[in-house]
N, C-alpha and C. Protein backbone atom coordinates (compact mmCIF):
# COMPACT_ATOMS: atom_id res chain seq x y z
N UNK A 1 87.67 271.08 41.60
CA UNK A 1 87.64 269.74 42.17
C UNK A 1 88.48 268.81 41.30
N UNK A 2 89.07 267.82 41.92
CA UNK A 2 89.91 266.86 41.19
C UNK A 2 89.21 265.50 41.19
N UNK A 3 88.33 265.26 40.17
CA UNK A 3 87.60 263.98 40.16
C UNK A 3 88.52 262.78 40.05
N UNK A 4 89.64 262.93 39.35
CA UNK A 4 90.56 261.80 39.24
C UNK A 4 91.03 261.38 40.63
N UNK A 5 91.37 262.35 41.48
CA UNK A 5 91.84 262.02 42.82
C UNK A 5 90.70 261.42 43.64
N UNK A 6 89.51 261.97 43.54
CA UNK A 6 88.35 261.44 44.29
C UNK A 6 88.09 259.99 43.90
N UNK A 7 88.10 259.71 42.60
CA UNK A 7 87.88 258.34 42.13
C UNK A 7 89.00 257.42 42.61
N UNK A 8 90.23 257.90 42.48
CA UNK A 8 91.40 257.14 42.94
C UNK A 8 91.28 256.84 44.43
N UNK A 9 90.91 257.84 45.21
CA UNK A 9 90.77 257.66 46.66
C UNK A 9 89.68 256.64 46.97
N UNK A 10 88.56 256.72 46.28
CA UNK A 10 87.46 255.77 46.51
C UNK A 10 87.91 254.34 46.21
N UNK A 11 88.66 254.16 45.13
CA UNK A 11 89.16 252.82 44.79
C UNK A 11 90.14 252.31 45.85
N UNK A 12 91.03 253.18 46.32
CA UNK A 12 92.00 252.77 47.34
C UNK A 12 91.31 252.41 48.65
N UNK A 13 90.33 253.19 49.04
CA UNK A 13 89.58 252.92 50.28
C UNK A 13 88.87 251.57 50.15
N UNK A 14 88.21 251.34 49.02
CA UNK A 14 87.51 250.07 48.82
C UNK A 14 88.51 248.91 48.78
N UNK A 15 89.64 249.12 48.11
CA UNK A 15 90.66 248.09 48.01
C UNK A 15 91.27 247.72 49.35
N UNK A 16 91.24 248.67 50.28
CA UNK A 16 91.77 248.42 51.63
C UNK A 16 90.74 247.71 52.51
N UNK A 17 89.54 247.48 51.95
CA UNK A 17 88.50 246.78 52.70
C UNK A 17 87.75 247.67 53.68
N UNK A 18 87.89 248.98 53.54
CA UNK A 18 87.16 249.90 54.42
C UNK A 18 85.75 250.09 53.92
N UNK A 19 84.83 250.18 54.84
CA UNK A 19 83.43 250.42 54.51
C UNK A 19 83.30 251.79 53.82
N UNK A 20 82.43 251.88 52.84
CA UNK A 20 82.20 253.13 52.14
C UNK A 20 81.31 254.03 52.99
N UNK A 21 81.93 254.79 53.90
CA UNK A 21 81.14 255.63 54.80
C UNK A 21 80.94 257.02 54.19
N UNK A 22 79.77 257.56 54.38
CA UNK A 22 79.46 258.91 53.87
C UNK A 22 80.34 259.97 54.51
N UNK A 23 80.61 259.93 55.84
CA UNK A 23 81.50 260.95 56.42
C UNK A 23 82.90 260.95 55.81
N UNK A 24 83.48 259.77 55.59
CA UNK A 24 84.81 259.71 54.97
C UNK A 24 84.74 260.25 53.55
N UNK A 25 83.68 259.90 52.84
CA UNK A 25 83.51 260.39 51.47
C UNK A 25 83.42 261.92 51.46
N UNK A 26 82.79 262.50 52.45
CA UNK A 26 82.70 263.97 52.52
C UNK A 26 84.07 264.58 52.76
N UNK A 27 84.91 263.94 53.57
CA UNK A 27 86.28 264.42 53.78
C UNK A 27 87.04 264.35 52.46
N UNK A 28 86.90 263.25 51.74
CA UNK A 28 87.55 263.09 50.43
C UNK A 28 87.09 264.18 49.47
N UNK A 29 85.79 264.42 49.41
CA UNK A 29 85.25 265.44 48.50
C UNK A 29 85.78 266.83 48.85
N UNK A 30 85.87 267.13 50.14
CA UNK A 30 86.38 268.43 50.56
C UNK A 30 87.85 268.58 50.16
N UNK A 31 88.66 267.55 50.43
CA UNK A 31 90.08 267.61 50.07
C UNK A 31 90.26 267.73 48.55
N UNK A 32 89.38 267.10 47.78
CA UNK A 32 89.46 267.19 46.33
C UNK A 32 89.20 268.61 45.83
N UNK A 33 88.43 269.37 46.58
CA UNK A 33 88.10 270.74 46.18
C UNK A 33 89.20 271.75 46.53
N UNK A 34 90.06 271.40 47.46
CA UNK A 34 91.07 272.34 47.96
C UNK A 34 92.29 272.35 47.04
N UNK A 35 92.84 273.54 46.83
CA UNK A 35 94.04 273.62 46.00
C UNK A 35 95.31 273.65 46.84
N UNK A 36 95.16 273.56 48.17
CA UNK A 36 96.33 273.60 49.04
C UNK A 36 95.98 272.91 50.36
N UNK A 37 96.96 272.85 51.24
CA UNK A 37 96.81 272.15 52.51
C UNK A 37 95.77 272.83 53.42
N UNK A 38 95.04 271.99 54.14
CA UNK A 38 94.10 272.46 55.16
C UNK A 38 94.32 271.64 56.43
N UNK A 39 94.05 272.26 57.56
CA UNK A 39 94.20 271.55 58.83
C UNK A 39 92.97 270.71 59.11
N UNK A 40 93.11 269.79 60.04
CA UNK A 40 91.98 268.95 60.45
C UNK A 40 90.85 269.82 61.00
N UNK A 41 91.21 270.86 61.75
CA UNK A 41 90.18 271.75 62.30
C UNK A 41 89.46 272.53 61.20
N UNK A 42 90.17 272.90 60.15
CA UNK A 42 89.51 273.56 59.02
C UNK A 42 88.54 272.60 58.33
N UNK A 43 88.96 271.35 58.17
CA UNK A 43 88.08 270.35 57.57
C UNK A 43 86.85 270.17 58.46
N UNK A 44 87.08 270.02 59.76
CA UNK A 44 85.99 269.85 60.71
C UNK A 44 85.01 271.03 60.64
N UNK A 45 85.54 272.23 60.53
CA UNK A 45 84.70 273.42 60.49
C UNK A 45 83.85 273.54 59.24
N UNK A 46 84.27 272.90 58.17
CA UNK A 46 83.53 272.97 56.91
C UNK A 46 82.54 271.84 56.72
N UNK A 47 82.62 270.81 57.54
CA UNK A 47 81.76 269.64 57.36
C UNK A 47 80.73 269.53 58.47
N UNK A 48 79.63 270.21 58.30
CA UNK A 48 78.54 270.10 59.28
C UNK A 48 78.02 268.67 59.31
N UNK A 49 77.74 268.19 60.50
CA UNK A 49 77.17 266.86 60.66
C UNK A 49 78.19 265.74 60.69
N UNK A 50 79.47 266.07 60.56
CA UNK A 50 80.52 265.06 60.67
C UNK A 50 81.29 265.38 61.94
N UNK A 51 81.35 264.43 62.85
CA UNK A 51 82.02 264.66 64.13
C UNK A 51 83.52 264.83 63.98
N UNK A 52 84.10 265.59 64.90
CA UNK A 52 85.54 265.85 64.86
C UNK A 52 86.35 264.56 64.90
N UNK A 53 85.95 263.62 65.75
CA UNK A 53 86.68 262.35 65.84
C UNK A 53 86.63 261.60 64.51
N UNK A 54 85.52 261.69 63.82
CA UNK A 54 85.37 261.05 62.52
C UNK A 54 86.29 261.70 61.49
N UNK A 55 86.40 263.02 61.53
CA UNK A 55 87.30 263.74 60.62
C UNK A 55 88.74 263.27 60.86
N UNK A 56 89.16 263.23 62.13
CA UNK A 56 90.52 262.80 62.44
C UNK A 56 90.76 261.35 62.03
N UNK A 57 89.78 260.49 62.23
CA UNK A 57 89.92 259.08 61.85
C UNK A 57 90.04 258.96 60.33
N UNK A 58 89.23 259.72 59.60
CA UNK A 58 89.30 259.69 58.13
C UNK A 58 90.67 260.18 57.65
N UNK A 59 91.19 261.24 58.27
CA UNK A 59 92.51 261.75 57.90
C UNK A 59 93.58 260.68 58.14
N UNK A 60 93.51 260.02 59.28
CA UNK A 60 94.48 258.95 59.58
C UNK A 60 94.40 257.84 58.54
N UNK A 61 93.19 257.45 58.16
CA UNK A 61 93.03 256.38 57.18
C UNK A 61 93.55 256.80 55.80
N UNK A 62 93.23 258.02 55.38
CA UNK A 62 93.69 258.50 54.08
C UNK A 62 95.21 258.65 54.05
N UNK A 63 95.78 259.06 55.17
CA UNK A 63 97.23 259.17 55.28
C UNK A 63 97.87 257.78 55.21
N UNK A 64 97.30 256.82 55.92
CA UNK A 64 97.84 255.45 55.91
C UNK A 64 97.78 254.83 54.51
N UNK A 65 96.82 255.25 53.70
CA UNK A 65 96.68 254.75 52.34
C UNK A 65 97.49 255.57 51.33
N UNK A 66 98.30 256.50 51.84
CA UNK A 66 99.11 257.39 50.98
C UNK A 66 98.27 258.17 49.98
N UNK A 67 97.09 258.58 50.42
CA UNK A 67 96.23 259.41 49.59
C UNK A 67 96.40 260.89 49.91
N UNK A 68 96.85 261.17 51.12
CA UNK A 68 97.13 262.55 51.53
C UNK A 68 98.49 262.57 52.21
N UNK A 69 99.05 263.77 52.32
CA UNK A 69 100.31 263.94 53.03
C UNK A 69 100.16 265.04 54.07
N UNK A 70 100.91 264.87 55.13
CA UNK A 70 100.96 265.88 56.18
C UNK A 70 101.97 266.94 55.74
N UNK A 71 101.61 268.20 55.90
CA UNK A 71 102.45 269.31 55.48
C UNK A 71 102.71 270.21 56.69
N UNK A 72 103.98 270.41 57.00
CA UNK A 72 104.35 271.29 58.11
C UNK A 72 104.37 272.72 57.59
N UNK A 73 103.42 273.51 58.05
CA UNK A 73 103.30 274.89 57.61
C UNK A 73 103.82 275.87 58.66
N UNK A 74 104.49 275.34 59.68
CA UNK A 74 105.09 276.20 60.68
C UNK A 74 104.15 276.65 61.78
N UNK A 75 102.89 276.29 61.69
CA UNK A 75 101.93 276.68 62.71
C UNK A 75 101.76 275.58 63.75
N UNK A 76 100.77 275.75 64.61
CA UNK A 76 100.57 274.76 65.67
C UNK A 76 100.01 273.43 65.18
N UNK A 77 99.36 273.43 64.02
CA UNK A 77 98.75 272.20 63.49
C UNK A 77 99.24 271.96 62.07
N UNK A 78 99.48 270.71 61.73
CA UNK A 78 99.89 270.42 60.35
C UNK A 78 98.72 270.58 59.38
N UNK A 79 99.06 270.80 58.14
CA UNK A 79 98.07 270.79 57.09
C UNK A 79 98.05 269.42 56.43
N UNK A 80 97.01 269.14 55.69
CA UNK A 80 96.90 267.90 54.94
C UNK A 80 96.46 268.24 53.54
N UNK A 81 97.06 267.58 52.55
CA UNK A 81 96.65 267.79 51.17
C UNK A 81 96.76 266.49 50.40
N UNK A 82 96.01 266.43 49.34
CA UNK A 82 95.95 265.19 48.56
C UNK A 82 97.27 264.93 47.84
N UNK A 83 97.54 263.66 47.63
CA UNK A 83 98.67 263.23 46.81
C UNK A 83 98.06 262.83 45.47
N UNK A 84 98.41 263.56 44.44
CA UNK A 84 97.84 263.30 43.12
C UNK A 84 98.44 262.02 42.53
N UNK A 85 97.62 261.15 41.94
CA UNK A 85 98.13 259.92 41.32
C UNK A 85 99.16 260.22 40.23
N UNK A 86 99.05 261.38 39.60
CA UNK A 86 99.97 261.75 38.52
C UNK A 86 101.36 262.12 39.04
N UNK A 87 101.46 262.37 40.35
CA UNK A 87 102.73 262.82 40.92
C UNK A 87 102.87 264.33 40.93
N UNK A 88 101.98 265.03 40.27
CA UNK A 88 102.03 266.50 40.27
C UNK A 88 101.85 267.01 41.69
N UNK A 89 102.64 268.02 42.04
CA UNK A 89 102.55 268.59 43.38
C UNK A 89 102.99 270.04 43.35
N UNK A 90 102.82 270.69 44.47
CA UNK A 90 103.24 272.08 44.61
C UNK A 90 103.92 272.27 45.96
N UNK A 91 104.43 273.45 46.16
CA UNK A 91 105.07 273.81 47.42
C UNK A 91 104.29 274.96 48.04
N UNK A 92 104.79 275.50 49.14
CA UNK A 92 103.99 276.47 49.90
C UNK A 92 104.76 277.72 50.28
N UNK A 93 104.04 278.84 50.27
CA UNK A 93 104.53 280.10 50.80
C UNK A 93 103.60 280.42 51.96
N UNK A 94 104.19 280.66 53.16
CA UNK A 94 103.41 280.89 54.36
C UNK A 94 103.69 282.28 54.90
N UNK A 95 102.63 283.03 55.20
CA UNK A 95 102.79 284.33 55.87
C UNK A 95 102.90 284.06 57.36
N UNK A 96 104.02 284.42 57.95
CA UNK A 96 104.24 284.18 59.38
C UNK A 96 103.46 285.14 60.26
N UNK A 97 102.84 286.16 59.67
CA UNK A 97 102.05 287.11 60.45
C UNK A 97 100.59 286.67 60.54
N UNK A 98 99.95 286.42 59.39
CA UNK A 98 98.52 286.09 59.40
C UNK A 98 98.24 284.61 59.19
N UNK A 99 99.24 283.84 58.77
CA UNK A 99 99.06 282.40 58.56
C UNK A 99 98.57 282.00 57.18
N UNK A 100 98.38 282.98 56.30
CA UNK A 100 97.91 282.68 54.94
C UNK A 100 98.90 281.72 54.26
N UNK A 101 98.37 280.75 53.54
CA UNK A 101 99.18 279.77 52.83
C UNK A 101 98.82 279.83 51.35
N UNK A 102 99.84 279.95 50.52
CA UNK A 102 99.65 279.98 49.07
C UNK A 102 100.47 278.86 48.43
N UNK A 103 99.88 278.13 47.49
CA UNK A 103 100.66 277.12 46.76
C UNK A 103 101.49 277.79 45.68
N UNK A 104 102.62 277.18 45.35
CA UNK A 104 103.39 277.65 44.20
C UNK A 104 104.11 276.48 43.55
N UNK A 105 104.33 276.61 42.26
CA UNK A 105 105.08 275.63 41.49
C UNK A 105 106.22 276.36 40.80
N UNK A 106 107.36 275.69 40.68
CA UNK A 106 108.52 276.30 40.04
C UNK A 106 109.33 275.19 39.37
N UNK A 107 109.33 275.18 38.07
CA UNK A 107 110.00 274.11 37.32
C UNK A 107 111.51 274.10 37.57
N UNK A 108 112.12 275.28 37.69
CA UNK A 108 113.57 275.35 37.96
C UNK A 108 113.89 274.75 39.33
N UNK A 109 113.05 275.00 40.31
CA UNK A 109 113.24 274.41 41.63
C UNK A 109 113.13 272.89 41.56
N UNK A 110 112.15 272.39 40.82
CA UNK A 110 111.99 270.94 40.67
C UNK A 110 113.22 270.33 40.00
N UNK A 111 113.74 271.01 39.00
CA UNK A 111 114.95 270.51 38.33
C UNK A 111 116.12 270.44 39.31
N UNK A 112 116.28 271.49 40.14
CA UNK A 112 117.37 271.50 41.12
C UNK A 112 117.20 270.37 42.13
N UNK A 113 115.99 270.12 42.56
CA UNK A 113 115.73 269.05 43.51
C UNK A 113 116.03 267.69 42.87
N UNK A 114 115.60 267.50 41.65
CA UNK A 114 115.83 266.23 40.98
C UNK A 114 117.30 266.05 40.58
N UNK A 115 118.05 267.14 40.55
CA UNK A 115 119.49 267.06 40.31
C UNK A 115 120.17 266.27 41.42
N UNK A 116 119.61 266.33 42.61
CA UNK A 116 120.15 265.56 43.74
C UNK A 116 120.12 264.07 43.40
N UNK A 117 119.04 263.62 42.76
CA UNK A 117 118.92 262.22 42.36
C UNK A 117 120.05 261.83 41.40
N UNK A 118 120.36 262.73 40.50
CA UNK A 118 121.41 262.46 39.52
C UNK A 118 122.79 262.38 40.18
N UNK A 119 122.91 262.87 41.39
CA UNK A 119 124.18 262.81 42.12
C UNK A 119 124.28 261.54 42.96
N UNK A 120 123.36 260.61 42.76
CA UNK A 120 123.43 259.33 43.44
C UNK A 120 122.61 259.24 44.71
N UNK A 121 121.90 260.30 45.06
CA UNK A 121 121.07 260.27 46.26
C UNK A 121 119.67 259.85 45.84
N UNK A 122 119.13 258.82 46.51
CA UNK A 122 117.78 258.35 46.17
C UNK A 122 116.76 259.24 46.89
N UNK A 123 116.13 260.08 46.14
CA UNK A 123 115.16 261.02 46.68
C UNK A 123 113.81 260.33 46.83
N UNK A 124 113.30 260.26 48.05
CA UNK A 124 112.00 259.63 48.31
C UNK A 124 110.86 260.65 48.16
N UNK A 125 111.03 261.80 48.78
CA UNK A 125 110.01 262.84 48.75
C UNK A 125 110.67 264.16 49.09
N UNK A 126 109.97 265.23 48.83
CA UNK A 126 110.48 266.54 49.23
C UNK A 126 109.32 267.49 49.49
N UNK A 127 109.60 268.48 50.30
CA UNK A 127 108.62 269.49 50.65
C UNK A 127 109.37 270.80 50.82
N UNK A 128 108.89 271.84 50.16
CA UNK A 128 109.51 273.15 50.26
C UNK A 128 108.46 274.11 50.80
N UNK A 129 108.76 274.78 51.90
CA UNK A 129 107.88 275.78 52.48
C UNK A 129 108.68 277.04 52.70
N UNK A 130 108.26 278.11 52.07
CA UNK A 130 108.92 279.40 52.21
C UNK A 130 108.11 280.25 53.19
N UNK A 131 108.79 280.95 54.07
CA UNK A 131 108.12 281.78 55.08
C UNK A 131 108.45 283.25 54.85
N UNK A 132 107.50 284.10 55.14
CA UNK A 132 107.71 285.55 55.01
C UNK A 132 106.44 286.28 55.37
N UNK A 133 106.19 287.40 54.69
CA UNK A 133 104.98 288.19 54.93
C UNK A 133 104.26 288.39 53.61
N UNK A 134 102.95 288.18 53.64
CA UNK A 134 102.14 288.36 52.44
C UNK A 134 102.00 289.85 52.14
N UNK A 135 101.42 290.15 50.98
CA UNK A 135 101.25 291.54 50.58
C UNK A 135 100.42 292.33 51.58
N UNK A 136 99.42 291.69 52.18
CA UNK A 136 98.56 292.40 53.14
C UNK A 136 99.30 292.72 54.43
N UNK A 137 100.26 291.88 54.83
CA UNK A 137 100.97 292.08 56.10
C UNK A 137 102.30 292.80 55.93
N UNK A 138 102.74 292.95 54.71
CA UNK A 138 104.06 293.55 54.44
C UNK A 138 104.02 295.05 54.70
């Protein structure tokens, strides 16, 4: 779990004037526990007693507050993952057969991406998703 992100999210929600609702807090807690992107339906499936519409509304609010980002994993539904206040992030490897998603970090890749900035291009954000087959499907 990432308590720093949970605390940060709670402060941002309060600062935006949103009511401190228990269902939204449960969505925040679940996202804090995940090490990679999850879909809204996965969140809904893990939160008993929280309605699907409430899950989607919480995701929209957290996205609008720049607390989470939408991640295109190549499937029918986007994933969502937290944006760490520290700026630390990872990228994704997706199995196109079973849909398994694994996070990965690569310092050399980050250096190459940031090299673009040094060439005069103002880099706002980036997302890298690699597709292939996992060990189980290979």
